[in-house]
N, C-alpha and C. Protein backbone atom coordinates (compact mmCIF):
# COMPACT_ATOMS: atom_id res chain seq x y z
N UNK A 1 14.02 12.97 -26.60
CA UNK A 1 13.58 12.46 -27.90
C UNK A 1 12.58 13.40 -28.58
N UNK A 2 11.78 14.11 -27.79
CA UNK A 2 10.76 14.99 -28.37
C UNK A 2 11.23 16.43 -28.51
N UNK A 3 12.35 16.78 -27.92
CA UNK A 3 12.79 18.18 -27.96
C UNK A 3 12.98 18.71 -29.38
N UNK A 4 13.51 17.92 -30.33
CA UNK A 4 13.68 18.46 -31.69
C UNK A 4 12.39 18.93 -32.33
N UNK A 5 11.24 18.42 -31.90
CA UNK A 5 9.96 18.85 -32.47
C UNK A 5 9.72 20.34 -32.24
N UNK A 6 10.38 20.89 -31.21
CA UNK A 6 10.12 22.27 -30.82
C UNK A 6 11.27 23.22 -31.16
N UNK A 7 12.28 22.71 -31.85
CA UNK A 7 13.42 23.52 -32.25
C UNK A 7 13.48 23.64 -33.77
N UNK A 8 14.06 24.72 -34.25
CA UNK A 8 14.17 24.87 -35.70
C UNK A 8 15.03 23.74 -36.26
N UNK A 9 14.81 23.44 -37.53
CA UNK A 9 15.38 22.23 -38.12
C UNK A 9 16.90 22.21 -38.11
N UNK A 10 17.55 23.37 -38.16
CA UNK A 10 19.01 23.37 -38.21
C UNK A 10 19.64 23.45 -36.82
N UNK A 11 18.86 23.14 -35.79
CA UNK A 11 19.40 23.02 -34.43
C UNK A 11 19.35 21.54 -34.03
N UNK A 12 20.38 20.77 -34.36
CA UNK A 12 20.35 19.34 -34.05
C UNK A 12 20.49 19.07 -32.56
N UNK A 13 19.89 17.98 -32.12
CA UNK A 13 19.98 17.55 -30.72
C UNK A 13 20.71 16.21 -30.68
N UNK A 14 21.82 16.16 -29.95
CA UNK A 14 22.55 14.90 -29.75
C UNK A 14 22.15 14.36 -28.38
N UNK A 15 21.38 13.30 -28.37
CA UNK A 15 20.84 12.76 -27.12
C UNK A 15 21.79 11.70 -26.55
N UNK A 16 22.52 12.07 -25.51
CA UNK A 16 23.47 11.15 -24.87
C UNK A 16 22.91 10.54 -23.58
N UNK A 17 21.64 10.79 -23.29
CA UNK A 17 21.05 10.24 -22.08
C UNK A 17 21.03 8.71 -22.13
N UNK A 18 21.28 8.10 -20.98
CA UNK A 18 21.25 6.63 -20.86
C UNK A 18 20.45 6.27 -19.62
N UNK A 19 19.55 5.34 -19.78
CA UNK A 19 18.69 4.93 -18.68
C UNK A 19 19.48 4.49 -17.45
N UNK A 20 19.04 4.92 -16.28
CA UNK A 20 19.57 4.42 -15.02
C UNK A 20 20.85 5.05 -14.53
N UNK A 21 21.35 6.07 -15.22
CA UNK A 21 22.61 6.67 -14.81
C UNK A 21 22.38 7.87 -13.90
N UNK A 22 23.34 8.10 -13.02
CA UNK A 22 23.34 9.28 -12.15
C UNK A 22 24.44 10.22 -12.63
N UNK A 23 24.50 11.39 -12.03
CA UNK A 23 25.58 12.32 -12.39
C UNK A 23 26.94 11.68 -12.15
N UNK A 24 27.00 10.80 -11.16
CA UNK A 24 28.25 10.11 -10.82
C UNK A 24 28.56 8.98 -11.78
N UNK A 25 27.63 8.05 -11.98
CA UNK A 25 27.92 6.87 -12.80
C UNK A 25 28.13 7.26 -14.26
N UNK A 26 27.47 8.33 -14.72
CA UNK A 26 27.69 8.81 -16.09
C UNK A 26 29.14 9.22 -16.29
N UNK A 27 29.72 9.83 -15.27
CA UNK A 27 31.14 10.23 -15.33
C UNK A 27 32.04 9.01 -15.23
N UNK A 28 31.77 8.16 -14.25
CA UNK A 28 32.63 6.99 -14.00
C UNK A 28 32.69 6.07 -15.21
N UNK A 29 31.58 5.96 -15.93
CA UNK A 29 31.54 5.09 -17.11
C UNK A 29 32.19 5.73 -18.34
N UNK A 30 32.69 6.94 -18.20
CA UNK A 30 33.35 7.61 -19.31
C UNK A 30 32.42 8.30 -20.28
N UNK A 31 31.16 8.41 -19.92
CA UNK A 31 30.18 8.99 -20.83
C UNK A 31 30.32 10.51 -20.94
N UNK A 32 30.63 11.17 -19.83
CA UNK A 32 30.86 12.61 -19.92
C UNK A 32 32.08 12.90 -20.78
N UNK A 33 33.13 12.11 -20.63
CA UNK A 33 34.33 12.31 -21.45
C UNK A 33 34.01 12.19 -22.93
N UNK A 34 33.13 11.24 -23.28
CA UNK A 34 32.74 11.07 -24.68
C UNK A 34 31.97 12.29 -25.18
N UNK A 35 31.09 12.82 -24.34
CA UNK A 35 30.34 14.02 -24.72
C UNK A 35 31.29 15.19 -24.94
N UNK A 36 32.20 15.38 -24.00
CA UNK A 36 33.12 16.52 -24.07
C UNK A 36 34.11 16.40 -25.22
N UNK A 37 34.37 15.17 -25.66
CA UNK A 37 35.27 15.00 -26.81
C UNK A 37 34.59 15.40 -28.11
N UNK A 38 33.26 15.40 -28.09
CA UNK A 38 32.51 15.72 -29.31
C UNK A 38 31.95 17.14 -29.32
N UNK A 39 31.87 17.75 -28.16
CA UNK A 39 31.21 19.06 -28.07
C UNK A 39 32.04 20.13 -28.77
N UNK A 40 31.36 21.12 -29.30
CA UNK A 40 32.02 22.16 -30.07
C UNK A 40 31.73 23.54 -29.47
N UNK A 41 32.61 24.50 -29.69
CA UNK A 41 32.33 25.87 -29.24
C UNK A 41 30.98 26.35 -29.77
N UNK A 42 30.22 26.97 -28.89
CA UNK A 42 28.90 27.45 -29.28
C UNK A 42 27.77 26.47 -29.03
N UNK A 43 28.11 25.19 -28.76
CA UNK A 43 27.08 24.21 -28.43
C UNK A 43 26.51 24.48 -27.04
N UNK A 44 25.34 23.92 -26.78
CA UNK A 44 24.77 23.90 -25.45
C UNK A 44 24.90 22.50 -24.87
N UNK A 45 25.21 22.40 -23.59
CA UNK A 45 25.20 21.11 -22.90
C UNK A 45 24.08 21.17 -21.87
N UNK A 46 23.00 20.45 -22.14
CA UNK A 46 21.84 20.42 -21.24
C UNK A 46 22.05 19.30 -20.22
N UNK A 47 22.08 19.66 -18.94
CA UNK A 47 22.49 18.75 -17.87
C UNK A 47 21.32 18.53 -16.92
N UNK A 48 20.85 17.29 -16.82
CA UNK A 48 19.74 16.98 -15.92
C UNK A 48 19.97 15.62 -15.26
N UNK A 49 20.16 15.63 -13.97
CA UNK A 49 20.32 14.41 -13.19
C UNK A 49 19.63 14.58 -11.83
N UNK A 50 19.25 13.46 -11.24
CA UNK A 50 18.79 13.40 -9.84
C UNK A 50 18.06 12.09 -9.56
N UNK A 51 17.24 11.62 -10.52
CA UNK A 51 16.45 10.42 -10.25
C UNK A 51 17.31 9.28 -9.69
N UNK A 52 18.45 9.05 -10.31
CA UNK A 52 19.29 7.92 -9.88
C UNK A 52 20.35 8.34 -8.86
N UNK A 53 20.63 9.63 -8.77
CA UNK A 53 21.50 10.13 -7.70
C UNK A 53 20.86 9.89 -6.33
N UNK A 54 19.54 9.77 -6.30
CA UNK A 54 18.80 9.62 -5.05
C UNK A 54 18.91 8.23 -4.44
N UNK A 55 19.47 7.27 -5.16
CA UNK A 55 19.43 5.87 -4.72
C UNK A 55 20.54 5.57 -3.72
N UNK A 56 20.25 5.88 -2.46
CA UNK A 56 21.24 5.76 -1.39
C UNK A 56 21.72 4.33 -1.20
N UNK A 57 20.91 3.35 -1.62
CA UNK A 57 21.28 1.95 -1.47
C UNK A 57 22.30 1.49 -2.50
N UNK A 58 22.61 2.35 -3.46
CA UNK A 58 23.51 1.98 -4.55
C UNK A 58 24.70 2.95 -4.58
N UNK A 59 25.83 2.59 -3.97
CA UNK A 59 26.97 3.51 -3.91
C UNK A 59 27.57 3.85 -5.27
N UNK A 60 27.31 3.05 -6.28
CA UNK A 60 27.82 3.35 -7.62
C UNK A 60 27.09 4.54 -8.24
N UNK A 61 25.90 4.84 -7.74
CA UNK A 61 25.12 5.93 -8.31
C UNK A 61 24.81 7.06 -7.33
N UNK A 62 24.75 6.76 -6.08
CA UNK A 62 24.28 7.75 -5.10
C UNK A 62 25.23 8.94 -4.96
N UNK A 63 24.62 10.13 -4.91
CA UNK A 63 25.35 11.34 -4.54
C UNK A 63 24.52 12.07 -3.49
N UNK A 64 25.18 12.83 -2.66
CA UNK A 64 24.51 13.62 -1.62
C UNK A 64 24.23 15.01 -2.19
N UNK A 65 23.00 15.52 -2.03
CA UNK A 65 22.61 16.74 -2.75
C UNK A 65 23.56 17.92 -2.62
N UNK A 66 24.01 18.20 -1.38
CA UNK A 66 24.74 19.44 -1.15
C UNK A 66 26.26 19.25 -1.18
N UNK A 67 26.71 18.05 -1.55
CA UNK A 67 28.16 17.85 -1.66
C UNK A 67 28.49 17.16 -2.99
N UNK A 68 28.42 15.84 -3.03
CA UNK A 68 28.89 15.11 -4.21
C UNK A 68 28.03 15.37 -5.44
N UNK A 69 26.74 15.58 -5.27
CA UNK A 69 25.88 15.91 -6.42
C UNK A 69 26.35 17.19 -7.08
N UNK A 70 26.56 18.22 -6.29
CA UNK A 70 27.04 19.48 -6.84
C UNK A 70 28.45 19.34 -7.41
N UNK A 71 29.28 18.53 -6.77
CA UNK A 71 30.65 18.35 -7.26
C UNK A 71 30.65 17.71 -8.64
N UNK A 72 29.82 16.69 -8.83
CA UNK A 72 29.77 16.05 -10.15
C UNK A 72 29.16 16.99 -11.18
N UNK A 73 28.12 17.71 -10.82
CA UNK A 73 27.53 18.66 -11.77
C UNK A 73 28.55 19.69 -12.22
N UNK A 74 29.43 20.10 -11.32
CA UNK A 74 30.47 21.07 -11.69
C UNK A 74 31.40 20.52 -12.77
N UNK A 75 31.59 19.21 -12.79
CA UNK A 75 32.43 18.61 -13.84
C UNK A 75 31.82 18.86 -15.22
N UNK A 76 30.50 18.76 -15.30
CA UNK A 76 29.80 19.00 -16.57
C UNK A 76 29.90 20.48 -16.94
N UNK A 77 29.63 21.34 -15.96
CA UNK A 77 29.67 22.78 -16.20
C UNK A 77 31.07 23.21 -16.63
N UNK A 78 32.07 22.81 -15.85
CA UNK A 78 33.44 23.21 -16.15
C UNK A 78 33.93 22.62 -17.47
N UNK A 79 33.54 21.36 -17.74
CA UNK A 79 33.97 20.71 -18.97
C UNK A 79 33.40 21.40 -20.20
N UNK A 80 32.13 21.79 -20.13
CA UNK A 80 31.52 22.49 -21.26
C UNK A 80 32.18 23.84 -21.48
N UNK A 81 32.36 24.59 -20.41
CA UNK A 81 32.95 25.92 -20.53
C UNK A 81 34.38 25.88 -21.05
N UNK A 82 35.12 24.87 -20.63
CA UNK A 82 36.51 24.75 -21.08
C UNK A 82 36.61 24.54 -22.58
N UNK A 83 35.51 24.07 -23.18
CA UNK A 83 35.51 23.80 -24.62
C UNK A 83 34.71 24.83 -25.40
N UNK A 84 34.39 25.92 -24.75
CA UNK A 84 33.67 26.99 -25.43
C UNK A 84 32.19 26.75 -25.61
N UNK A 85 31.67 25.72 -24.92
CA UNK A 85 30.24 25.42 -24.98
C UNK A 85 29.54 26.05 -23.78
N UNK A 86 28.23 26.14 -23.86
CA UNK A 86 27.46 26.76 -22.79
C UNK A 86 26.69 25.71 -22.00
N UNK A 87 26.98 25.53 -20.71
CA UNK A 87 26.22 24.59 -19.90
C UNK A 87 24.86 25.17 -19.53
N UNK A 88 23.86 24.30 -19.47
CA UNK A 88 22.52 24.67 -19.03
C UNK A 88 22.05 23.59 -18.06
N UNK A 89 21.73 23.99 -16.84
CA UNK A 89 21.27 23.04 -15.83
C UNK A 89 19.75 22.96 -15.86
N UNK A 90 19.23 21.74 -15.70
CA UNK A 90 17.77 21.53 -15.69
C UNK A 90 17.41 20.66 -14.49
N UNK A 91 16.57 21.18 -13.61
CA UNK A 91 16.12 20.37 -12.49
C UNK A 91 15.31 19.20 -13.01
N UNK A 92 15.25 18.13 -12.24
CA UNK A 92 14.64 16.89 -12.71
C UNK A 92 13.13 17.00 -12.84
N UNK A 93 12.61 16.43 -13.90
CA UNK A 93 11.17 16.36 -14.09
C UNK A 93 10.56 15.53 -12.95
N UNK A 94 9.38 15.93 -12.53
CA UNK A 94 8.76 15.25 -11.40
C UNK A 94 8.12 13.92 -11.79
N UNK A 95 8.15 13.00 -10.84
CA UNK A 95 7.39 11.77 -10.96
C UNK A 95 5.90 12.08 -10.76
N UNK A 96 5.08 11.12 -11.06
CA UNK A 96 3.64 11.26 -10.81
C UNK A 96 3.33 10.75 -9.41
N UNK A 97 3.09 11.68 -8.50
CA UNK A 97 2.73 11.30 -7.14
C UNK A 97 1.76 12.33 -6.57
N UNK A 98 0.65 11.84 -6.02
CA UNK A 98 -0.37 12.70 -5.43
C UNK A 98 -0.65 12.24 -4.00
N UNK A 99 -1.01 13.20 -3.13
CA UNK A 99 -1.41 12.82 -1.79
C UNK A 99 -2.90 12.48 -1.77
N UNK A 100 -3.41 12.17 -0.61
CA UNK A 100 -4.80 11.70 -0.49
C UNK A 100 -5.81 12.76 -0.92
N UNK A 101 -5.41 14.01 -0.87
CA UNK A 101 -6.32 15.09 -1.25
C UNK A 101 -6.22 15.45 -2.73
N UNK A 102 -5.35 14.75 -3.47
CA UNK A 102 -5.19 15.02 -4.88
C UNK A 102 -4.18 16.09 -5.21
N UNK A 103 -3.34 16.43 -4.25
CA UNK A 103 -2.30 17.43 -4.49
C UNK A 103 -1.04 16.74 -5.02
N UNK A 104 -0.49 17.26 -6.12
CA UNK A 104 0.77 16.74 -6.65
C UNK A 104 1.90 17.07 -5.68
N UNK A 105 2.69 16.06 -5.33
CA UNK A 105 3.73 16.28 -4.32
C UNK A 105 5.11 16.04 -4.92
N UNK A 106 6.10 16.81 -4.50
CA UNK A 106 7.46 16.65 -5.01
C UNK A 106 8.09 15.35 -4.51
N UNK A 107 9.02 14.81 -5.30
CA UNK A 107 9.63 13.51 -4.97
C UNK A 107 11.15 13.55 -4.95
N UNK A 108 11.75 14.69 -5.25
CA UNK A 108 13.20 14.73 -5.42
C UNK A 108 13.97 15.31 -4.25
N UNK A 109 13.32 15.50 -3.12
CA UNK A 109 14.03 15.96 -1.93
C UNK A 109 14.78 17.25 -2.15
N UNK A 110 16.05 17.26 -1.73
CA UNK A 110 16.87 18.47 -1.78
C UNK A 110 17.60 18.67 -3.11
N UNK A 111 17.47 17.71 -4.01
CA UNK A 111 18.24 17.80 -5.25
C UNK A 111 17.89 19.03 -6.11
N UNK A 112 16.61 19.34 -6.31
CA UNK A 112 16.33 20.56 -7.09
C UNK A 112 16.89 21.82 -6.45
N UNK A 113 16.77 21.94 -5.13
CA UNK A 113 17.31 23.12 -4.44
C UNK A 113 18.81 23.19 -4.58
N UNK A 114 19.49 22.04 -4.51
CA UNK A 114 20.95 22.01 -4.66
C UNK A 114 21.36 22.44 -6.06
N UNK A 115 20.60 22.03 -7.07
CA UNK A 115 20.93 22.45 -8.43
C UNK A 115 20.65 23.94 -8.61
N UNK A 116 19.55 24.43 -8.07
CA UNK A 116 19.27 25.86 -8.18
C UNK A 116 20.38 26.69 -7.55
N UNK A 117 20.85 26.25 -6.39
CA UNK A 117 21.92 26.97 -5.72
C UNK A 117 23.20 26.95 -6.53
N UNK A 118 23.52 25.81 -7.12
CA UNK A 118 24.72 25.70 -7.95
C UNK A 118 24.62 26.60 -9.17
N UNK A 119 23.45 26.62 -9.79
CA UNK A 119 23.25 27.46 -10.97
C UNK A 119 23.47 28.93 -10.63
N UNK A 120 22.97 29.35 -9.48
CA UNK A 120 23.16 30.74 -9.06
C UNK A 120 24.63 31.03 -8.77
N UNK A 121 25.28 30.10 -8.09
CA UNK A 121 26.69 30.28 -7.73
C UNK A 121 27.58 30.34 -8.95
N UNK A 122 27.32 29.46 -9.91
CA UNK A 122 28.16 29.37 -11.10
C UNK A 122 27.67 30.25 -12.25
N UNK A 123 26.55 30.92 -12.03
CA UNK A 123 25.95 31.78 -13.07
C UNK A 123 25.68 30.99 -14.35
N UNK A 124 25.01 29.86 -14.13
CA UNK A 124 24.62 28.98 -15.23
C UNK A 124 23.12 29.13 -15.45
N UNK A 125 22.69 29.13 -16.70
CA UNK A 125 21.27 29.17 -17.00
C UNK A 125 20.58 27.96 -16.37
N UNK A 126 19.40 28.19 -15.80
CA UNK A 126 18.64 27.13 -15.12
C UNK A 126 17.27 26.99 -15.74
N UNK A 127 16.92 25.77 -16.10
CA UNK A 127 15.57 25.42 -16.52
C UNK A 127 14.92 24.68 -15.36
N UNK A 128 13.92 25.29 -14.72
CA UNK A 128 13.35 24.68 -13.52
C UNK A 128 12.23 23.71 -13.91
N UNK A 129 12.62 22.60 -14.52
CA UNK A 129 11.68 21.62 -15.02
C UNK A 129 10.92 20.95 -13.87
N UNK A 130 11.56 20.82 -12.72
CA UNK A 130 10.88 20.22 -11.56
C UNK A 130 9.64 21.03 -11.18
N UNK A 131 9.80 22.32 -11.03
CA UNK A 131 8.67 23.17 -10.65
C UNK A 131 7.61 23.20 -11.74
N UNK A 132 8.03 23.28 -12.99
CA UNK A 132 7.09 23.36 -14.10
C UNK A 132 6.30 22.06 -14.26
N UNK A 133 6.97 20.93 -14.15
CA UNK A 133 6.27 19.66 -14.32
C UNK A 133 5.34 19.38 -13.14
N UNK A 134 5.75 19.75 -11.94
CA UNK A 134 4.89 19.57 -10.78
C UNK A 134 3.59 20.38 -10.96
N UNK A 135 3.73 21.61 -11.45
CA UNK A 135 2.55 22.44 -11.69
C UNK A 135 1.67 21.83 -12.79
N UNK A 136 2.29 21.25 -13.81
CA UNK A 136 1.52 20.63 -14.89
C UNK A 136 0.76 19.41 -14.38
N UNK A 137 1.42 18.57 -13.58
CA UNK A 137 0.72 17.39 -13.05
C UNK A 137 -0.45 17.82 -12.16
N UNK A 138 -0.27 18.90 -11.39
CA UNK A 138 -1.35 19.40 -10.56
C UNK A 138 -2.53 19.87 -11.42
N UNK A 139 -2.20 20.57 -12.49
CA UNK A 139 -3.25 21.07 -13.39
C UNK A 139 -4.02 19.92 -14.04
N UNK A 140 -3.31 18.87 -14.44
CA UNK A 140 -3.94 17.74 -15.10
C UNK A 140 -4.73 16.87 -14.14
N UNK A 141 -4.21 16.68 -12.93
CA UNK A 141 -4.90 15.90 -11.93
C UNK A 141 -4.55 14.43 -11.92
N UNK A 142 -5.11 13.73 -10.94
CA UNK A 142 -4.75 12.33 -10.66
C UNK A 142 -5.01 11.42 -11.86
N UNK A 143 -6.16 11.48 -12.45
CA UNK A 143 -6.52 10.54 -13.51
C UNK A 143 -5.90 10.92 -14.85
N UNK A 144 -5.96 12.19 -15.20
CA UNK A 144 -5.46 12.62 -16.50
C UNK A 144 -3.96 12.38 -16.65
N UNK A 145 -3.20 12.50 -15.56
CA UNK A 145 -1.75 12.31 -15.64
C UNK A 145 -1.38 10.87 -15.98
N UNK A 146 -2.26 9.94 -15.70
CA UNK A 146 -1.96 8.54 -16.04
C UNK A 146 -1.68 8.39 -17.53
N UNK A 147 -2.31 9.23 -18.37
CA UNK A 147 -2.12 9.15 -19.81
C UNK A 147 -0.72 9.61 -20.23
N UNK A 148 -0.04 10.32 -19.34
CA UNK A 148 1.27 10.88 -19.67
C UNK A 148 2.41 9.96 -19.23
N UNK A 149 2.10 8.95 -18.44
CA UNK A 149 3.09 8.00 -17.95
C UNK A 149 2.77 6.61 -18.48
N UNK A 150 3.65 5.67 -18.23
CA UNK A 150 3.47 4.31 -18.73
C UNK A 150 2.50 3.53 -17.84
N UNK A 151 1.26 3.99 -17.86
CA UNK A 151 0.20 3.29 -17.14
C UNK A 151 -0.54 2.39 -18.12
N UNK A 152 -0.46 1.09 -17.88
CA UNK A 152 -1.14 0.10 -18.72
C UNK A 152 -1.89 -0.87 -17.82
N UNK A 153 -2.55 -1.83 -18.44
CA UNK A 153 -3.28 -2.84 -17.66
C UNK A 153 -2.35 -3.65 -16.78
N UNK A 154 -1.09 -3.77 -17.19
CA UNK A 154 -0.16 -4.62 -16.45
C UNK A 154 0.92 -3.84 -15.70
N UNK A 155 0.99 -2.53 -15.93
CA UNK A 155 2.08 -1.74 -15.34
C UNK A 155 1.59 -0.36 -14.92
N UNK A 156 1.95 0.05 -13.73
CA UNK A 156 1.65 1.39 -13.25
C UNK A 156 2.98 2.09 -12.96
N UNK A 157 3.53 2.72 -13.98
CA UNK A 157 4.84 3.35 -13.92
C UNK A 157 4.64 4.86 -13.77
N UNK A 158 5.05 5.40 -12.62
CA UNK A 158 4.88 6.82 -12.35
C UNK A 158 6.14 7.63 -12.59
N UNK A 159 7.11 7.04 -13.29
CA UNK A 159 8.38 7.72 -13.56
C UNK A 159 8.62 7.93 -15.04
N UNK A 160 8.40 6.90 -15.84
CA UNK A 160 8.74 6.95 -17.26
C UNK A 160 7.52 7.34 -18.08
N UNK A 161 7.76 8.10 -19.15
CA UNK A 161 6.68 8.72 -19.90
C UNK A 161 6.15 7.87 -21.04
N UNK A 162 4.87 8.03 -21.30
CA UNK A 162 4.27 7.64 -22.56
C UNK A 162 4.62 8.74 -23.57
N UNK A 163 4.38 8.52 -24.87
CA UNK A 163 4.70 9.57 -25.84
C UNK A 163 4.09 10.93 -25.50
N UNK A 164 2.86 10.95 -25.03
CA UNK A 164 2.23 12.24 -24.70
C UNK A 164 2.97 12.96 -23.59
N UNK A 165 3.48 12.21 -22.61
CA UNK A 165 4.25 12.82 -21.53
C UNK A 165 5.59 13.34 -22.01
N UNK A 166 6.25 12.58 -22.88
CA UNK A 166 7.54 13.02 -23.41
C UNK A 166 7.38 14.32 -24.20
N UNK A 167 6.31 14.41 -24.96
CA UNK A 167 6.05 15.62 -25.75
C UNK A 167 5.73 16.80 -24.83
N UNK A 168 4.91 16.56 -23.81
CA UNK A 168 4.52 17.64 -22.90
C UNK A 168 5.72 18.21 -22.16
N UNK A 169 6.61 17.33 -21.71
CA UNK A 169 7.78 17.80 -20.96
C UNK A 169 8.77 18.49 -21.90
N UNK A 170 8.94 17.98 -23.11
CA UNK A 170 9.81 18.65 -24.08
C UNK A 170 9.30 20.05 -24.38
N UNK A 171 7.99 20.22 -24.43
CA UNK A 171 7.40 21.53 -24.67
C UNK A 171 7.73 22.47 -23.50
N UNK A 172 7.65 21.95 -22.26
CA UNK A 172 8.03 22.75 -21.10
C UNK A 172 9.49 23.20 -21.20
N UNK A 173 10.36 22.29 -21.60
CA UNK A 173 11.79 22.60 -21.72
C UNK A 173 12.02 23.68 -22.78
N UNK A 174 11.39 23.53 -23.94
CA UNK A 174 11.56 24.52 -25.01
C UNK A 174 11.06 25.89 -24.57
N UNK A 175 9.92 25.92 -23.91
CA UNK A 175 9.38 27.20 -23.43
C UNK A 175 10.32 27.83 -22.41
N UNK A 176 10.89 27.01 -21.54
CA UNK A 176 11.79 27.54 -20.51
C UNK A 176 13.09 28.01 -21.13
N UNK A 177 13.57 27.33 -22.16
CA UNK A 177 14.77 27.78 -22.86
C UNK A 177 14.54 29.14 -23.51
N UNK A 178 13.32 29.35 -23.99
CA UNK A 178 12.97 30.65 -24.57
C UNK A 178 12.84 31.70 -23.48
N UNK A 179 12.17 31.37 -22.38
CA UNK A 179 11.96 32.34 -21.30
C UNK A 179 13.27 32.80 -20.68
N UNK A 180 14.20 31.86 -20.53
CA UNK A 180 15.48 32.19 -19.90
C UNK A 180 16.50 32.73 -20.91
N UNK A 181 16.07 32.87 -22.16
CA UNK A 181 16.91 33.41 -23.23
C UNK A 181 18.11 32.52 -23.56
N UNK A 182 18.01 31.26 -23.21
CA UNK A 182 18.99 30.31 -23.72
C UNK A 182 18.85 30.24 -25.24
N UNK A 183 17.61 30.27 -25.70
CA UNK A 183 17.31 30.32 -27.13
C UNK A 183 16.48 31.56 -27.42
N UNK A 184 16.50 31.99 -28.67
CA UNK A 184 15.72 33.14 -29.09
C UNK A 184 14.43 32.72 -29.76
N UNK A 185 13.53 33.67 -30.02
CA UNK A 185 12.24 33.35 -30.64
C UNK A 185 12.35 32.62 -31.97
N UNK A 186 13.42 32.87 -32.72
CA UNK A 186 13.57 32.19 -34.00
C UNK A 186 14.09 30.76 -33.87
N UNK A 187 14.51 30.39 -32.67
CA UNK A 187 15.08 29.07 -32.46
C UNK A 187 14.03 28.01 -32.13
N UNK A 188 12.85 28.44 -31.71
CA UNK A 188 11.83 27.49 -31.27
C UNK A 188 10.63 27.56 -32.21
N UNK A 189 9.83 26.50 -32.20
CA UNK A 189 8.66 26.41 -33.06
C UNK A 189 7.64 25.47 -32.41
N UNK A 190 6.43 25.55 -32.88
CA UNK A 190 5.34 24.63 -32.50
C UNK A 190 4.98 24.66 -31.01
N UNK A 191 5.30 25.73 -30.30
CA UNK A 191 5.03 25.76 -28.86
C UNK A 191 3.53 25.68 -28.56
N UNK A 192 2.71 26.12 -29.49
CA UNK A 192 1.26 26.08 -29.29
C UNK A 192 0.59 25.09 -30.23
N UNK A 193 1.38 24.21 -30.83
CA UNK A 193 0.85 23.27 -31.83
C UNK A 193 0.75 21.87 -31.25
N UNK A 194 -0.32 21.18 -31.57
CA UNK A 194 -0.47 19.78 -31.15
C UNK A 194 0.54 18.91 -31.91
N UNK A 195 1.28 18.10 -31.18
CA UNK A 195 2.28 17.22 -31.80
C UNK A 195 1.73 15.79 -31.81
N UNK A 196 1.67 15.14 -32.97
CA UNK A 196 1.17 13.76 -33.01
C UNK A 196 2.07 12.81 -32.22
N UNK A 197 1.47 11.96 -31.43
CA UNK A 197 2.25 10.99 -30.66
C UNK A 197 3.03 10.06 -31.57
N UNK A 198 2.55 9.85 -32.78
CA UNK A 198 3.22 8.96 -33.74
C UNK A 198 4.59 9.48 -34.14
N UNK A 199 4.86 10.75 -33.86
CA UNK A 199 6.18 11.30 -34.17
C UNK A 199 7.26 10.72 -33.28
N UNK A 200 6.87 10.22 -32.12
CA UNK A 200 7.84 9.59 -31.22
C UNK A 200 8.17 8.20 -31.75
N UNK A 201 9.45 7.97 -31.99
CA UNK A 201 9.88 6.63 -32.42
C UNK A 201 10.90 6.12 -31.41
N UNK A 202 10.75 4.90 -30.98
CA UNK A 202 11.62 4.33 -29.95
C UNK A 202 12.79 3.60 -30.58
N UNK A 203 13.96 3.68 -29.97
CA UNK A 203 15.11 2.88 -30.46
C UNK A 203 14.74 1.39 -30.46
N UNK A 204 15.30 0.66 -31.40
CA UNK A 204 14.95 -0.77 -31.53
C UNK A 204 15.21 -1.54 -30.27
N UNK A 205 16.29 -1.18 -29.56
CA UNK A 205 16.65 -1.92 -28.35
C UNK A 205 15.60 -1.76 -27.26
N UNK A 206 14.78 -0.69 -27.34
CA UNK A 206 13.78 -0.43 -26.32
C UNK A 206 12.38 -0.79 -26.80
N UNK A 207 12.27 -1.18 -28.04
CA UNK A 207 10.94 -1.44 -28.60
C UNK A 207 10.35 -2.72 -28.01
């Protein structure tokens, strides 16, 4: 939702993300097919899954990092390439979790490593959002990171972002797209500019 703030105005973003889906369930529900029916040559397909792939108790969503997770990701990569679009893999943003000493700890197990390996094998651009967000949470620390997640008097959510968190992670993504040359210097903007949280508007169904 915040990524367009960091891209030039004539680079539209079509957000097909749906809450609670894994790389597997997104395909099974026909959502990847819908994306691929609309994608055009020259488009980018930004692919990020793992949070829900990790749910071993749910066979409709669970994938194993080094087998089915990679197999489903290949469907996205191959589908984009077959239509003249460019796939871009992005490791999952980290949850907010710290150990007793205040060190930010990873929560995604083998999934980021499996995606990195697939990106290297398939020669797909990789945005290592997992590593970047983990470093950011460490820099901010235990208390400051609460402002970036849905921490309220009644809820302590260490997964879903407040507007400030959504903006911060979108900035990481835009910077990484520039660093990896997925985009050029003229494609990005406001990387060093403060973005008002009021710019984030939520869909009515989620309000």
